[in-house]
């Protein structure tokens, strides 16, 4: 696993770092139907048992466990990534991940290596399209901007997110904040405050 540097030297470098990975995109696309089917089964079981909260908690937990198992020897995993893509389609899971990206890291497993979340979201950005890419690119941008203050890379990612899904509310809001050069700590505080109001 390659930990991203705090700052990419240019927009070109950022675009190159998060450009489409054709091989991984194909492999993930092939794995998505099975991941979607398994998710539908989990959701149906939760609805039958009236275990909505437990279902959302389990979906988030699976993402966090995946992050905790990424290390210096970690390699691209199309099946695992497809599973994560489907889990990230849940608004509530993304809300929790936005909060972690904004600085609330106490929910991360203790064995999670630094920047595992940024690496994972960045990888998903290169392997997806449409709303899935918008979710991943927005999470990557929020993580990089609030953690390192890298507005250039965040803007590249948010351009990508808004192109992939022009109606992505969080991407559009964050894009405006980055363009206006709002202080990263203030952006982080806004995401943390918004989450507590849900």
C-alpha atoms as a PDB file:
ATOM      1  CA  UNK A   1       0.000   0.000   0.000  1.00  0.00           C
ATOM      2  CA  UNK A   2       1.328   3.426  -0.900  1.00  0.00           C
ATOM      3  CA  UNK A   3       0.628   6.192   1.581  1.00  0.00           C
ATOM      4  CA  UNK A   4      -0.191   9.411  -0.314  1.00  0.00           C
ATOM      5  CA  UNK A   5       2.113  12.337   0.318  1.00  0.00           C
ATOM      6  CA  UNK A   6       0.588  15.273   2.207  1.00  0.00           C
ATOM      7  CA  UNK A   7       0.799  17.418  -0.927  1.00  0.00           C
ATOM      8  CA  UNK A   8       0.844  16.513  -4.589  1.00  0.00           C
ATOM      9  CA  UNK A   9       3.215  18.864  -6.429  1.00  0.00           C
ATOM     10  CA  UNK A  10       0.702  19.907  -9.098  1.00  0.00           C
ATOM     11  CA  UNK A  11      -2.796  19.450 -10.475  1.00  0.00           C
ATOM     12  CA  UNK A  12      -1.293  17.200 -13.136  1.00  0.00           C
ATOM     13  CA  UNK A  13       0.236  14.951 -10.469  1.00  0.00           C
ATOM     14  CA  UNK A  14      -3.065  14.784  -8.596  1.00  0.00           C
ATOM     15  CA  UNK A  15      -5.011  13.950 -11.762  1.00  0.00           C
ATOM     16  CA  UNK A  16      -2.490  11.240 -12.598  1.00  0.00           C
ATOM     17  CA  UNK A  17      -2.630   9.773  -9.094  1.00  0.00           C
ATOM     18  CA  UNK A  18      -6.426   9.461  -9.180  1.00  0.00           C
ATOM     19  CA  UNK A  19      -6.890   8.619 -12.865  1.00  0.00           C
ATOM     20  CA  UNK A  20      -8.949   5.681 -14.003  1.00  0.00           C
ATOM     21  CA  UNK A  21      -7.381   2.249 -13.481  1.00  0.00           C
ATOM     22  CA  UNK A  22      -8.866   0.311 -16.402  1.00  0.00           C
ATOM     23  CA  UNK A  23      -7.864  -3.142 -15.188  1.00  0.00           C
ATOM     24  CA  UNK A  24      -9.173  -2.628 -11.668  1.00  0.00           C
ATOM     25  CA  UNK A  25     -12.352  -0.965 -12.923  1.00  0.00           C
ATOM     26  CA  UNK A  26     -13.160  -4.007 -15.064  1.00  0.00           C
ATOM     27  CA  UNK A  27     -12.431  -6.437 -12.259  1.00  0.00           C
ATOM     28  CA  UNK A  28     -14.533  -4.492  -9.771  1.00  0.00           C
ATOM     29  CA  UNK A  29     -17.394  -4.174 -12.275  1.00  0.00           C
ATOM     30  CA  UNK A  30     -17.369  -7.950 -12.728  1.00  0.00           C
ATOM     31  CA  UNK A  31     -17.538  -8.463  -8.955  1.00  0.00           C
ATOM     32  CA  UNK A  32     -20.322  -5.943  -8.292  1.00  0.00           C
ATOM     33  CA  UNK A  33     -23.348  -8.172  -9.093  1.00  0.00           C
ATOM     34  CA  UNK A  34     -22.331 -10.692  -6.444  1.00  0.00           C
ATOM     35  CA  UNK A  35     -21.631  -7.946  -3.921  1.00  0.00           C
ATOM     36  CA  UNK A  36     -25.014  -6.339  -4.637  1.00  0.00           C
ATOM     37  CA  UNK A  37     -26.778  -9.683  -4.253  1.00  0.00           C
ATOM     38  CA  UNK A  38     -25.129 -10.336  -0.884  1.00  0.00           C
ATOM     39  CA  UNK A  39     -26.022  -6.854   0.287  1.00  0.00           C
ATOM     40  CA  UNK A  40     -29.645  -7.357  -0.716  1.00  0.00           C
ATOM     41  CA  UNK A  41     -29.720 -10.572   1.316  1.00  0.00           C
ATOM     42  CA  UNK A  42     -28.250  -8.835   4.367  1.00  0.00           C
ATOM     43  CA  UNK A  43     -30.707  -5.965   4.095  1.00  0.00           C
ATOM     44  CA  UNK A  44     -33.711  -8.269   3.629  1.00  0.00           C
ATOM     45  CA  UNK A  45     -32.714 -10.296   6.689  1.00  0.00           C
ATOM     46  CA  UNK A  46     -32.341  -7.130   8.752  1.00  0.00           C
ATOM     47  CA  UNK A  47     -35.745  -5.833   7.656  1.00  0.00           C
ATOM     48  CA  UNK A  48     -37.416  -9.142   8.475  1.00  0.00           C
ATOM     49  CA  UNK A  49     -35.893  -9.087  11.955  1.00  0.00           C
ATOM     50  CA  UNK A  50     -36.541  -5.366  12.460  1.00  0.00           C
ATOM     51  CA  UNK A  51     -32.814  -4.812  13.020  1.00  0.00           C
ATOM     52  CA  UNK A  52     -32.279  -1.623  11.039  1.00  0.00           C
ATOM     53  CA  UNK A  53     -29.781  -0.032  13.421  1.00  0.00           C
ATOM     54  CA  UNK A  54     -27.768  -3.221  13.751  1.00  0.00           C
ATOM     55  CA  UNK A  55     -27.651  -3.520   9.973  1.00  0.00           C
ATOM     56  CA  UNK A  56     -26.171  -0.040   9.519  1.00  0.00           C
ATOM     57  CA  UNK A  57     -23.680  -0.643  12.328  1.00  0.00           C
ATOM     58  CA  UNK A  58     -22.597  -3.924  10.737  1.00  0.00           C
ATOM     59  CA  UNK A  59     -22.140  -2.279   7.325  1.00  0.00           C
ATOM     60  CA  UNK A  60     -19.899   0.408   8.812  1.00  0.00           C
ATOM     61  CA  UNK A  61     -18.017  -2.133  10.911  1.00  0.00           C
ATOM     62  CA  UNK A  62     -17.188  -4.154   7.793  1.00  0.00           C
ATOM     63  CA  UNK A  63     -15.641  -1.063   6.154  1.00  0.00           C
ATOM     64  CA  UNK A  64     -13.582  -0.249   9.241  1.00  0.00           C
ATOM     65  CA  UNK A  65     -12.365  -3.832   9.607  1.00  0.00           C
ATOM     66  CA  UNK A  66     -11.277  -3.825   5.967  1.00  0.00           C
ATOM     67  CA  UNK A  67      -9.260  -0.650   6.612  1.00  0.00           C
ATOM     68  CA  UNK A  68      -7.658  -2.192   9.682  1.00  0.00           C
ATOM     69  CA  UNK A  69      -6.372  -5.117   7.623  1.00  0.00           C
ATOM     70  CA  UNK A  70      -4.617  -2.935   5.054  1.00  0.00           C
ATOM     71  CA  UNK A  71      -0.860  -2.842   5.560  1.00  0.00           C
ATOM     72  CA  UNK A  72       2.350  -2.333   3.643  1.00  0.00           C
ATOM     73  CA  UNK A  73       1.833  -5.637   1.787  1.00  0.00           C
ATOM     74  CA  UNK A  74      -1.807  -4.946   0.874  1.00  0.00           C
ATOM     75  CA  UNK A  75      -2.696  -5.449  -2.790  1.00  0.00           C
ATOM     76  CA  UNK A  76      -5.725  -4.469  -4.852  1.00  0.00           C
ATOM     77  CA  UNK A  77      -8.652  -6.730  -4.032  1.00  0.00           C
ATOM     78  CA  UNK A  78     -11.478  -6.421  -6.612  1.00  0.00           C
ATOM     79  CA  UNK A  79     -13.909  -8.646  -4.688  1.00  0.00           C
ATOM     80  CA  UNK A  80     -13.350  -6.810  -1.429  1.00  0.00           C
ATOM     81  CA  UNK A  81     -13.523  -3.423  -3.116  1.00  0.00           C
ATOM     82  CA  UNK A  82     -16.816  -4.310  -4.804  1.00  0.00           C
ATOM     83  CA  UNK A  83     -18.227  -5.230  -1.401  1.00  0.00           C
ATOM     84  CA  UNK A  84     -17.094  -1.891   0.034  1.00  0.00           C
ATOM     85  CA  UNK A  85     -18.553   0.052  -2.894  1.00  0.00           C
ATOM     86  CA  UNK A  86     -21.976  -1.394  -2.177  1.00  0.00           C
ATOM     87  CA  UNK A  87     -21.680  -0.640   1.541  1.00  0.00           C
ATOM     88  CA  UNK A  88     -20.679   2.969   0.774  1.00  0.00           C
ATOM     89  CA  UNK A  89     -23.952   3.478  -1.090  1.00  0.00           C
ATOM     90  CA  UNK A  90     -25.629   3.761   2.319  1.00  0.00           C
ATOM     91  CA  UNK A  91     -26.010   7.412   3.379  1.00  0.00           C
ATOM     92  CA  UNK A  92     -25.617   6.552   7.044  1.00  0.00           C
ATOM     93  CA  UNK A  93     -22.397   4.642   6.482  1.00  0.00           C
ATOM     94  CA  UNK A  94     -20.988   7.576   4.525  1.00  0.00           C
ATOM     95  CA  UNK A  95     -22.059  10.000   7.266  1.00  0.00           C
ATOM     96  CA  UNK A  96     -19.933   8.046   9.747  1.00  0.00           C
ATOM     97  CA  UNK A  97     -17.006   7.953   7.333  1.00  0.00           C
ATOM     98  CA  UNK A  98     -17.279  11.705   6.727  1.00  0.00           C
ATOM     99  CA  UNK A  99     -16.992  12.198  10.471  1.00  0.00           C
ATOM    100  CA  UNK A 100     -13.910   9.978  10.663  1.00  0.00           C
ATOM    101  CA  UNK A 101     -12.375  11.821   7.709  1.00  0.00           C
ATOM    102  CA  UNK A 102     -13.031  15.115   9.515  1.00  0.00           C
ATOM    103  CA  UNK A 103     -11.034  13.975  12.527  1.00  0.00           C
ATOM    104  CA  UNK A 104     -13.060  11.684  14.748  1.00  0.00           C
ATOM    105  CA  UNK A 105     -10.751   8.683  14.517  1.00  0.00           C
ATOM    106  CA  UNK A 106     -11.726   6.909  17.735  1.00  0.00           C
ATOM    107  CA  UNK A 107     -13.943   4.518  15.759  1.00  0.00           C
ATOM    108  CA  UNK A 108     -11.000   3.233  13.740  1.00  0.00           C
ATOM    109  CA  UNK A 109      -9.537  -0.088  14.824  1.00  0.00           C
ATOM    110  CA  UNK A 110      -6.265   0.379  16.755  1.00  0.00           C
ATOM    111  CA  UNK A 111      -4.331  -1.600  14.128  1.00  0.00           C
ATOM    112  CA  UNK A 112      -5.384   0.707  11.273  1.00  0.00           C
ATOM    113  CA  UNK A 113      -2.256   2.172   9.702  1.00  0.00           C
ATOM    114  CA  UNK A 114      -2.060   5.945   9.104  1.00  0.00           C
ATOM    115  CA  UNK A 115      -3.832   7.119   5.946  1.00  0.00           C
ATOM    116  CA  UNK A 116      -5.407   3.724   5.242  1.00  0.00           C
ATOM    117  CA  UNK A 117      -8.731   5.502   4.738  1.00  0.00           C
ATOM    118  CA  UNK A 118      -7.294   7.972   2.214  1.00  0.00           C
ATOM    119  CA  UNK A 119      -5.575   5.155   0.332  1.00  0.00           C
ATOM    120  CA  UNK A 120      -8.759   3.087   0.232  1.00  0.00           C
ATOM    121  CA  UNK A 121     -11.006   5.930  -0.926  1.00  0.00           C
ATOM    122  CA  UNK A 122      -8.427   6.974  -3.500  1.00  0.00           C
ATOM    123  CA  UNK A 123      -8.257   3.454  -4.864  1.00  0.00           C
ATOM    124  CA  UNK A 124     -12.046   3.289  -5.083  1.00  0.00           C
ATOM    125  CA  UNK A 125     -11.991   6.594  -6.969  1.00  0.00           C
ATOM    126  CA  UNK A 126      -9.786   5.011  -9.645  1.00  0.00           C
ATOM    127  CA  UNK A 127     -11.965   1.891  -9.922  1.00  0.00           C
ATOM    128  CA  UNK A 128     -15.503   3.303 -10.136  1.00  0.00           C
ATOM    129  CA  UNK A 129     -17.745   5.644 -12.087  1.00  0.00           C
ATOM    130  CA  UNK A 130     -20.995   7.541 -11.567  1.00  0.00           C
ATOM    131  CA  UNK A 131     -22.326   7.984  -8.014  1.00  0.00           C
ATOM    132  CA  UNK A 132     -19.932   5.346  -6.654  1.00  0.00           C
ATOM    133  CA  UNK A 133     -16.982   7.391  -7.870  1.00  0.00           C
ATOM    134  CA  UNK A 134     -18.539  10.571  -6.509  1.00  0.00           C
ATOM    135  CA  UNK A 135     -18.825   9.000  -3.045  1.00  0.00           C
ATOM    136  CA  UNK A 136     -15.223   7.762  -3.095  1.00  0.00           C
ATOM    137  CA  UNK A 137     -13.719  10.951  -4.525  1.00  0.00           C
ATOM    138  CA  UNK A 138     -15.592  13.113  -2.016  1.00  0.00           C
ATOM    139  CA  UNK A 139     -14.358  11.022   0.908  1.00  0.00           C
ATOM    140  CA  UNK A 140     -10.814  11.191  -0.462  1.00  0.00           C
ATOM    141  CA  UNK A 141     -11.024  14.955  -0.894  1.00  0.00           C
ATOM    142  CA  UNK A 142     -12.412  15.531   2.588  1.00  0.00           C
ATOM    143  CA  UNK A 143      -9.713  13.348   4.139  1.00  0.00           C
ATOM    144  CA  UNK A 144      -6.863  15.034   2.257  1.00  0.00           C
ATOM    145  CA  UNK A 145      -8.162  18.577   2.754  1.00  0.00           C
ATOM    146  CA  UNK A 146      -8.909  18.358   6.472  1.00  0.00           C
ATOM    147  CA  UNK A 147      -5.819  16.287   7.246  1.00  0.00           C
ATOM    148  CA  UNK A 148      -3.222  18.056   5.104  1.00  0.00           C
ATOM    149  CA  UNK A 149      -4.840  21.233   3.811  1.00  0.00           C
ATOM    150  CA  UNK A 150      -4.104  20.145   0.228  1.00  0.00           C
ATOM    151  CA  UNK A 151      -6.639  22.249  -1.653  1.00  0.00           C
ATOM    152  CA  UNK A 152      -5.210  21.495  -5.093  1.00  0.00           C
ATOM    153  CA  UNK A 153      -5.676  17.746  -4.761  1.00  0.00           C
ATOM    154  CA  UNK A 154      -9.054  18.173  -3.083  1.00  0.00           C
ATOM    155  CA  UNK A 155     -10.257  20.373  -5.949  1.00  0.00           C
ATOM    156  CA  UNK A 156      -9.117  17.809  -8.538  1.00  0.00           C
ATOM    157  CA  UNK A 157     -11.009  15.086  -6.676  1.00  0.00           C
ATOM    158  CA  UNK A 158     -14.126  17.180  -6.258  1.00  0.00           C
ATOM    159  CA  UNK A 159     -14.102  18.125  -9.946  1.00  0.00           C
ATOM    160  CA  UNK A 160     -14.112  14.390 -10.595  1.00  0.00           C
ATOM    161  CA  UNK A 161     -16.892  13.793  -8.069  1.00  0.00           C
ATOM    162  CA  UNK A 162     -19.128  16.537  -9.472  1.00  0.00           C
ATOM    163  CA  UNK A 163     -18.588  15.272 -13.023  1.00  0.00           C
ATOM    164  CA  UNK A 164     -19.405  11.700 -11.974  1.00  0.00           C
ATOM    165  CA  UNK A 165     -22.566  12.815 -10.147  1.00  0.00           C
ATOM    166  CA  UNK A 166     -23.610  16.466 -10.674  1.00  0.00           C
ATOM    167  CA  UNK A 167     -26.309  16.092  -8.002  1.00  0.00           C
ATOM    168  CA  UNK A 168     -23.965  14.903  -5.242  1.00  0.00           C
ATOM    169  CA  UNK A 169     -24.822  17.400  -2.499  1.00  0.00           C
ATOM    170  CA  UNK A 170     -21.796  16.787  -0.276  1.00  0.00           C
ATOM    171  CA  UNK A 171     -19.371  16.970  -3.204  1.00  0.00           C
ATOM    172  CA  UNK A 172     -20.852  20.286  -4.377  1.00  0.00           C
ATOM    173  CA  UNK A 173     -20.813  21.774  -0.880  1.00  0.00           C
ATOM    174  CA  UNK A 174     -17.252  20.684  -0.174  1.00  0.00           C
ATOM    175  CA  UNK A 175     -16.146  21.848  -3.633  1.00  0.00           C
ATOM    176  CA  UNK A 176     -17.413  25.353  -2.872  1.00  0.00           C
ATOM    177  CA  UNK A 177     -15.650  25.360   0.498  1.00  0.00           C
ATOM    178  CA  UNK A 178     -12.338  24.325  -1.069  1.00  0.00           C
ATOM    179  CA  UNK A 179     -12.599  26.868  -3.891  1.00  0.00           C
ATOM    180  CA  UNK A 180     -13.279  29.575  -1.308  1.00  0.00           C
ATOM    181  CA  UNK A 181     -10.230  28.337   0.615  1.00  0.00           C
ATOM    182  CA  UNK A 182     -12.088  27.895   3.885  1.00  0.00           C
ATOM    183  CA  UNK A 183      -9.770  26.785   6.669  1.00  0.00           C
ATOM    184  CA  UNK A 184      -9.501  22.975   6.795  1.00  0.00           C
ATOM    185  CA  UNK A 185     -10.222  22.998  10.547  1.00  0.00           C
ATOM    186  CA  UNK A 186     -13.462  24.911   9.901  1.00  0.00           C
ATOM    187  CA  UNK A 187     -14.499  22.489   7.167  1.00  0.00           C
ATOM    188  CA  UNK A 188     -13.790  19.586   9.524  1.00  0.00           C
ATOM    189  CA  UNK A 189     -15.803  21.226  12.299  1.00  0.00           C
ATOM    190  CA  UNK A 190     -18.756  21.712   9.961  1.00  0.00           C
ATOM    191  CA  UNK A 191     -18.806  18.033   9.015  1.00  0.00           C
ATOM    192  CA  UNK A 192     -18.572  16.979  12.647  1.00  0.00           C
ATOM    193  CA  UNK A 193     -21.333  19.385  13.653  1.00  0.00           C
ATOM    194  CA  UNK A 194     -23.585  18.334  10.764  1.00  0.00           C
ATOM    195  CA  UNK A 195     -23.199  14.694  11.726  1.00  0.00           C
ATOM    196  CA  UNK A 196     -24.248  15.273  15.335  1.00  0.00           C
ATOM    197  CA  UNK A 197     -27.425  16.950  14.085  1.00  0.00           C
ATOM    198  CA  UNK A 198     -28.612  13.877  12.165  1.00  0.00           C
END
